[in-house]
Amino acid sequence: MIRVVGLLGLISALFFFAINFIEVFTVLFGDISDYPFGTEGPVPYYYQSPQLYLINLLVWSIIFLLVIMMLLRSFYRRDYKKLKLVLILQTLIFVAFFIQTSIGLD
């Protein structure tokens, strides 16, 4: 059972890592004229500038990459006690991610 939950945790961490990491390349090399940078409208605080948005994306990409590496290590070593701890940590990180992305919204 813990392996199934761990696999779901790994898939969700990979998903969030991919979203953030792909967005990094979009901001760096793509057309960002449609992005609502500035303080217009109900946007999170990190939309103040492209640089702040990019830093936010990079930080979350690194955090999710670390979670992925910890999950893979726990699976590889078949250390299910550490896997449970990593899953708890991942849950807290997801909560922090969703809280942080809503800061500045009215």
N, C-alpha and C. Protein backbone atom coordinates (compact mmCIF):
# COMPACT_ATOMS: atom_id res chain seq x y z
N MET A 1 0.82 -1.20 0.00
CA MET A 1 0.00 0.00 0.00
C MET A 1 0.87 1.27 0.00
N ILE A 2 1.93 1.26 0.81
CA ILE A 2 2.79 2.44 0.87
C ILE A 2 3.50 2.67 -0.46
N ARG A 3 3.76 1.58 -1.18
CA ARG A 3 4.42 1.73 -2.48
C ARG A 3 3.49 2.41 -3.48
N VAL A 4 2.21 2.10 -3.42
CA VAL A 4 1.24 2.73 -4.32
C VAL A 4 1.14 4.22 -4.00
N VAL A 5 1.04 4.55 -2.73
CA VAL A 5 0.98 5.95 -2.32
C VAL A 5 2.28 6.66 -2.70
N GLY A 6 3.41 5.99 -2.52
CA GLY A 6 4.68 6.56 -2.90
C GLY A 6 4.77 6.80 -4.40
N LEU A 7 4.25 5.88 -5.18
CA LEU A 7 4.24 6.05 -6.63
C LEU A 7 3.35 7.23 -7.04
N LEU A 8 2.22 7.37 -6.40
CA LEU A 8 1.35 8.53 -6.68
C LEU A 8 2.05 9.83 -6.28
N GLY A 9 2.76 9.79 -5.16
CA GLY A 9 3.53 10.96 -4.75
C GLY A 9 4.62 11.30 -5.76
N LEU A 10 5.27 10.29 -6.27
CA LEU A 10 6.32 10.50 -7.27
C LEU A 10 5.74 11.09 -8.55
N ILE A 11 4.62 10.57 -8.99
CA ILE A 11 3.97 11.08 -10.20
C ILE A 11 3.55 12.54 -10.02
N SER A 12 2.99 12.85 -8.86
CA SER A 12 2.55 14.24 -8.64
C SER A 12 3.75 15.18 -8.53
N ALA A 13 4.83 14.75 -7.89
CA ALA A 13 6.03 15.59 -7.80
C ALA A 13 6.64 15.80 -9.19
N LEU A 14 6.67 14.75 -10.00
CA LEU A 14 7.16 14.88 -11.38
C LEU A 14 6.30 15.85 -12.18
N PHE A 15 5.00 15.80 -11.98
CA PHE A 15 4.07 16.68 -12.67
C PHE A 15 4.35 18.14 -12.32
N PHE A 16 4.46 18.44 -11.02
CA PHE A 16 4.70 19.82 -10.60
C PHE A 16 6.09 20.29 -11.00
N PHE A 17 7.08 19.40 -10.96
CA PHE A 17 8.41 19.77 -11.43
C PHE A 17 8.37 20.11 -12.92
N ALA A 18 7.71 19.28 -13.71
CA ALA A 18 7.64 19.51 -15.15
C ALA A 18 6.95 20.82 -15.48
N ILE A 19 5.85 21.10 -14.81
CA ILE A 19 5.12 22.35 -15.06
C ILE A 19 6.01 23.55 -14.79
N ASN A 20 6.67 23.56 -13.63
CA ASN A 20 7.52 24.69 -13.27
C ASN A 20 8.73 24.80 -14.18
N PHE A 21 9.35 23.67 -14.49
CA PHE A 21 10.56 23.69 -15.29
C PHE A 21 10.28 24.09 -16.74
N ILE A 22 9.18 23.62 -17.30
CA ILE A 22 8.81 24.03 -18.66
C ILE A 22 8.49 25.52 -18.70
N GLU A 23 7.87 26.01 -17.65
CA GLU A 23 7.55 27.43 -17.58
C GLU A 23 8.81 28.29 -17.51
N VAL A 24 9.87 27.76 -16.90
CA VAL A 24 11.16 28.47 -16.87
C VAL A 24 11.63 28.72 -18.30
N PHE A 25 11.58 27.70 -19.14
CA PHE A 25 12.02 27.86 -20.53
C PHE A 25 11.10 28.77 -21.31
N THR A 26 9.82 28.75 -20.98
CA THR A 26 8.88 29.65 -21.65
C THR A 26 9.20 31.10 -21.32
N VAL A 27 9.50 31.37 -20.06
CA VAL A 27 9.83 32.74 -19.67
C VAL A 27 11.17 33.17 -20.26
N LEU A 28 12.13 32.27 -20.28
CA LEU A 28 13.46 32.62 -20.79
C LEU A 28 13.49 32.80 -22.30
N PHE A 29 12.84 31.91 -23.03
CA PHE A 29 12.99 31.88 -24.48
C PHE A 29 11.71 32.11 -25.27
N GLY A 30 10.58 32.18 -24.59
CA GLY A 30 9.31 32.30 -25.30
C GLY A 30 8.77 33.71 -25.30
N ASP A 31 7.58 33.83 -25.83
CA ASP A 31 6.88 35.11 -25.88
C ASP A 31 6.10 35.29 -24.58
N ILE A 32 6.47 36.29 -23.80
CA ILE A 32 5.81 36.51 -22.51
C ILE A 32 4.95 37.77 -22.54
N SER A 33 4.61 38.24 -23.73
CA SER A 33 3.81 39.46 -23.83
C SER A 33 2.39 39.28 -23.29
N ASP A 34 1.90 38.06 -23.25
CA ASP A 34 0.55 37.80 -22.75
C ASP A 34 0.51 37.61 -21.22
N TYR A 35 1.66 37.57 -20.57
CA TYR A 35 1.70 37.38 -19.12
C TYR A 35 1.32 38.68 -18.43
N PRO A 36 0.53 38.59 -17.35
CA PRO A 36 0.07 39.81 -16.68
C PRO A 36 1.09 40.34 -15.66
N PHE A 37 2.31 40.66 -16.12
CA PHE A 37 3.30 41.18 -15.19
C PHE A 37 2.93 42.59 -14.78
N GLY A 38 3.24 42.91 -13.55
CA GLY A 38 2.87 44.19 -12.97
C GLY A 38 1.88 43.95 -11.86
N THR A 39 1.21 44.99 -11.46
CA THR A 39 0.27 44.87 -10.35
C THR A 39 -1.17 44.99 -10.80
N GLU A 40 -1.43 44.81 -12.07
CA GLU A 40 -2.80 44.94 -12.58
C GLU A 40 -3.58 43.65 -12.33
N GLY A 41 -4.74 43.81 -11.78
CA GLY A 41 -5.63 42.68 -11.59
C GLY A 41 -5.22 41.78 -10.44
N PRO A 42 -6.00 40.75 -10.22
CA PRO A 42 -5.72 39.82 -9.10
C PRO A 42 -4.68 38.76 -9.50
N VAL A 43 -3.42 39.12 -9.38
CA VAL A 43 -2.34 38.19 -9.68
C VAL A 43 -1.48 38.01 -8.44
N PRO A 44 -0.84 36.87 -8.29
CA PRO A 44 0.05 36.67 -7.14
C PRO A 44 1.22 37.67 -7.16
N TYR A 45 1.84 37.84 -6.02
CA TYR A 45 2.89 38.85 -5.86
C TYR A 45 4.08 38.62 -6.78
N TYR A 46 4.37 37.37 -7.15
CA TYR A 46 5.55 37.10 -7.95
C TYR A 46 5.37 37.45 -9.42
N TYR A 47 4.21 37.96 -9.79
CA TYR A 47 4.00 38.46 -11.15
C TYR A 47 4.40 39.93 -11.28
N GLN A 48 5.09 40.49 -10.27
CA GLN A 48 5.51 41.88 -10.34
C GLN A 48 6.51 42.11 -11.47
N SER A 49 7.36 41.13 -11.71
CA SER A 49 8.33 41.26 -12.80
C SER A 49 8.66 39.87 -13.35
N PRO A 50 9.15 39.80 -14.57
CA PRO A 50 9.54 38.50 -15.12
C PRO A 50 10.68 37.85 -14.32
N GLN A 51 11.57 38.66 -13.77
CA GLN A 51 12.69 38.13 -13.00
C GLN A 51 12.21 37.46 -11.71
N LEU A 52 11.29 38.11 -11.01
CA LEU A 52 10.76 37.53 -9.79
C LEU A 52 9.98 36.25 -10.09
N TYR A 53 9.24 36.26 -11.17
CA TYR A 53 8.49 35.08 -11.58
C TYR A 53 9.44 33.93 -11.91
N LEU A 54 10.54 34.24 -12.60
CA LEU A 54 11.53 33.23 -12.96
C LEU A 54 12.20 32.65 -11.72
N ILE A 55 12.55 33.49 -10.77
CA ILE A 55 13.15 33.01 -9.52
C ILE A 55 12.19 32.09 -8.78
N ASN A 56 10.92 32.48 -8.73
CA ASN A 56 9.91 31.66 -8.08
C ASN A 56 9.81 30.29 -8.74
N LEU A 57 9.80 30.27 -10.06
CA LEU A 57 9.72 29.00 -10.80
C LEU A 57 10.94 28.13 -10.55
N LEU A 58 12.12 28.72 -10.55
CA LEU A 58 13.34 27.96 -10.32
C LEU A 58 13.40 27.37 -8.92
N VAL A 59 12.99 28.15 -7.93
CA VAL A 59 13.00 27.65 -6.56
C VAL A 59 12.07 26.46 -6.41
N TRP A 60 10.86 26.58 -6.93
CA TRP A 60 9.91 25.47 -6.81
C TRP A 60 10.36 24.27 -7.64
N SER A 61 11.01 24.50 -8.78
CA SER A 61 11.54 23.38 -9.57
C SER A 61 12.59 22.62 -8.79
N ILE A 62 13.48 23.33 -8.13
CA ILE A 62 14.52 22.69 -7.34
C ILE A 62 13.91 21.93 -6.16
N ILE A 63 12.94 22.52 -5.50
CA ILE A 63 12.30 21.84 -4.36
C ILE A 63 11.63 20.54 -4.82
N PHE A 64 10.88 20.60 -5.91
CA PHE A 64 10.23 19.38 -6.39
C PHE A 64 11.23 18.36 -6.90
N LEU A 65 12.33 18.81 -7.47
CA LEU A 65 13.38 17.89 -7.91
C LEU A 65 14.00 17.18 -6.71
N LEU A 66 14.20 17.89 -5.62
CA LEU A 66 14.73 17.26 -4.40
C LEU A 66 13.76 16.22 -3.84
N VAL A 67 12.48 16.53 -3.88
CA VAL A 67 11.47 15.56 -3.42
C VAL A 67 11.51 14.31 -4.30
N ILE A 68 11.61 14.50 -5.60
CA ILE A 68 11.69 13.37 -6.52
C ILE A 68 12.90 12.51 -6.19
N MET A 69 14.04 13.14 -5.97
CA MET A 69 15.26 12.39 -5.66
C MET A 69 15.13 11.63 -4.34
N MET A 70 14.50 12.24 -3.34
CA MET A 70 14.31 11.53 -2.06
C MET A 70 13.36 10.36 -2.21
N LEU A 71 12.30 10.54 -3.00
CA LEU A 71 11.36 9.44 -3.24
C LEU A 71 12.03 8.29 -3.98
N LEU A 72 12.79 8.62 -5.02
CA LEU A 72 13.48 7.57 -5.77
C LEU A 72 14.50 6.84 -4.91
N ARG A 73 15.19 7.56 -4.06
CA ARG A 73 16.17 6.92 -3.16
C ARG A 73 15.47 5.98 -2.19
N SER A 74 14.34 6.41 -1.65
CA SER A 74 13.60 5.56 -0.71
C SER A 74 13.08 4.30 -1.41
N PHE A 75 12.62 4.46 -2.66
CA PHE A 75 12.17 3.29 -3.42
C PHE A 75 13.33 2.35 -3.71
N TYR A 76 14.45 2.92 -4.13
CA TYR A 76 15.60 2.10 -4.51
C TYR A 76 16.13 1.30 -3.33
N ARG A 77 16.19 1.93 -2.18
CA ARG A 77 16.70 1.25 -0.98
C ARG A 77 15.62 0.44 -0.25
N ARG A 78 14.41 0.54 -0.73
CA ARG A 78 13.27 -0.14 -0.10
C ARG A 78 13.15 0.20 1.39
N ASP A 79 13.37 1.46 1.67
CA ASP A 79 13.29 1.98 3.03
C ASP A 79 11.93 2.66 3.17
N TYR A 80 10.95 1.89 3.61
CA TYR A 80 9.58 2.38 3.62
C TYR A 80 9.30 3.32 4.79
N LYS A 81 10.12 3.28 5.82
CA LYS A 81 9.97 4.26 6.91
C LYS A 81 10.35 5.64 6.40
N LYS A 82 11.46 5.72 5.67
CA LYS A 82 11.86 7.01 5.10
C LYS A 82 10.89 7.44 4.01
N LEU A 83 10.33 6.49 3.29
CA LEU A 83 9.35 6.82 2.27
C LEU A 83 8.14 7.50 2.90
N LYS A 84 7.69 7.00 4.04
CA LYS A 84 6.57 7.64 4.73
C LYS A 84 6.93 9.06 5.14
N LEU A 85 8.14 9.26 5.65
CA LEU A 85 8.57 10.60 6.05
C LEU A 85 8.65 11.55 4.85
N VAL A 86 9.15 11.04 3.74
CA VAL A 86 9.24 11.86 2.53
C VAL A 86 7.85 12.22 2.03
N LEU A 87 6.91 11.30 2.12
CA LEU A 87 5.55 11.59 1.69
C LEU A 87 4.89 12.64 2.59
N ILE A 88 5.18 12.59 3.88
CA ILE A 88 4.68 13.63 4.78
C ILE A 88 5.30 14.97 4.42
N LEU A 89 6.61 14.97 4.17
CA LEU A 89 7.30 16.19 3.76
C LEU A 89 6.73 16.72 2.45
N GLN A 90 6.46 15.83 1.53
CA GLN A 90 5.90 16.24 0.24
C GLN A 90 4.53 16.88 0.42
N THR A 91 3.73 16.34 1.29
CA THR A 91 2.42 16.92 1.56
C THR A 91 2.56 18.33 2.11
N LEU A 92 3.49 18.52 3.03
CA LEU A 92 3.72 19.86 3.58
C LEU A 92 4.23 20.82 2.50
N ILE A 93 5.07 20.32 1.60
CA ILE A 93 5.57 21.15 0.51
C ILE A 93 4.44 21.54 -0.44
N PHE A 94 3.55 20.62 -0.73
CA PHE A 94 2.40 20.95 -1.58
C PHE A 94 1.52 22.01 -0.92
N VAL A 95 1.30 21.89 0.37
CA VAL A 95 0.50 22.89 1.08
C VAL A 95 1.20 24.25 1.00
N ALA A 96 2.51 24.27 1.23
CA ALA A 96 3.26 25.53 1.14
C ALA A 96 3.21 26.10 -0.27
N PHE A 97 3.29 25.24 -1.27
CA PHE A 97 3.23 25.69 -2.66
C PHE A 97 1.90 26.37 -2.95
N PHE A 98 0.81 25.76 -2.55
CA PHE A 98 -0.50 26.32 -2.83
C PHE A 98 -0.77 27.58 -2.03
N ILE A 99 -0.26 27.66 -0.82
CA ILE A 99 -0.40 28.89 -0.03
C ILE A 99 0.41 30.00 -0.68
N GLN A 100 1.65 29.69 -1.06
CA GLN A 100 2.53 30.70 -1.64
C GLN A 100 1.98 31.21 -2.97
N THR A 101 1.37 30.35 -3.76
CA THR A 101 0.84 30.81 -5.05
C THR A 101 -0.43 31.64 -4.91
N SER A 102 -1.03 31.64 -3.73
CA SER A 102 -2.23 32.46 -3.54
C SER A 102 -1.94 33.75 -2.80
N ILE A 103 -0.70 34.00 -2.40
CA ILE A 103 -0.38 35.25 -1.72
C ILE A 103 -0.47 36.39 -2.71
N GLY A 104 -1.19 37.40 -2.33
CA GLY A 104 -1.36 38.57 -3.18
C GLY A 104 -2.68 38.57 -3.94
N LEU A 105 -3.37 37.45 -3.92
CA LEU A 105 -4.69 37.42 -4.57
C LEU A 105 -5.72 38.01 -3.63
N ASP A 106 -6.65 38.75 -4.18
CA ASP A 106 -7.70 39.34 -3.32
C ASP A 106 -8.94 38.50 -3.35
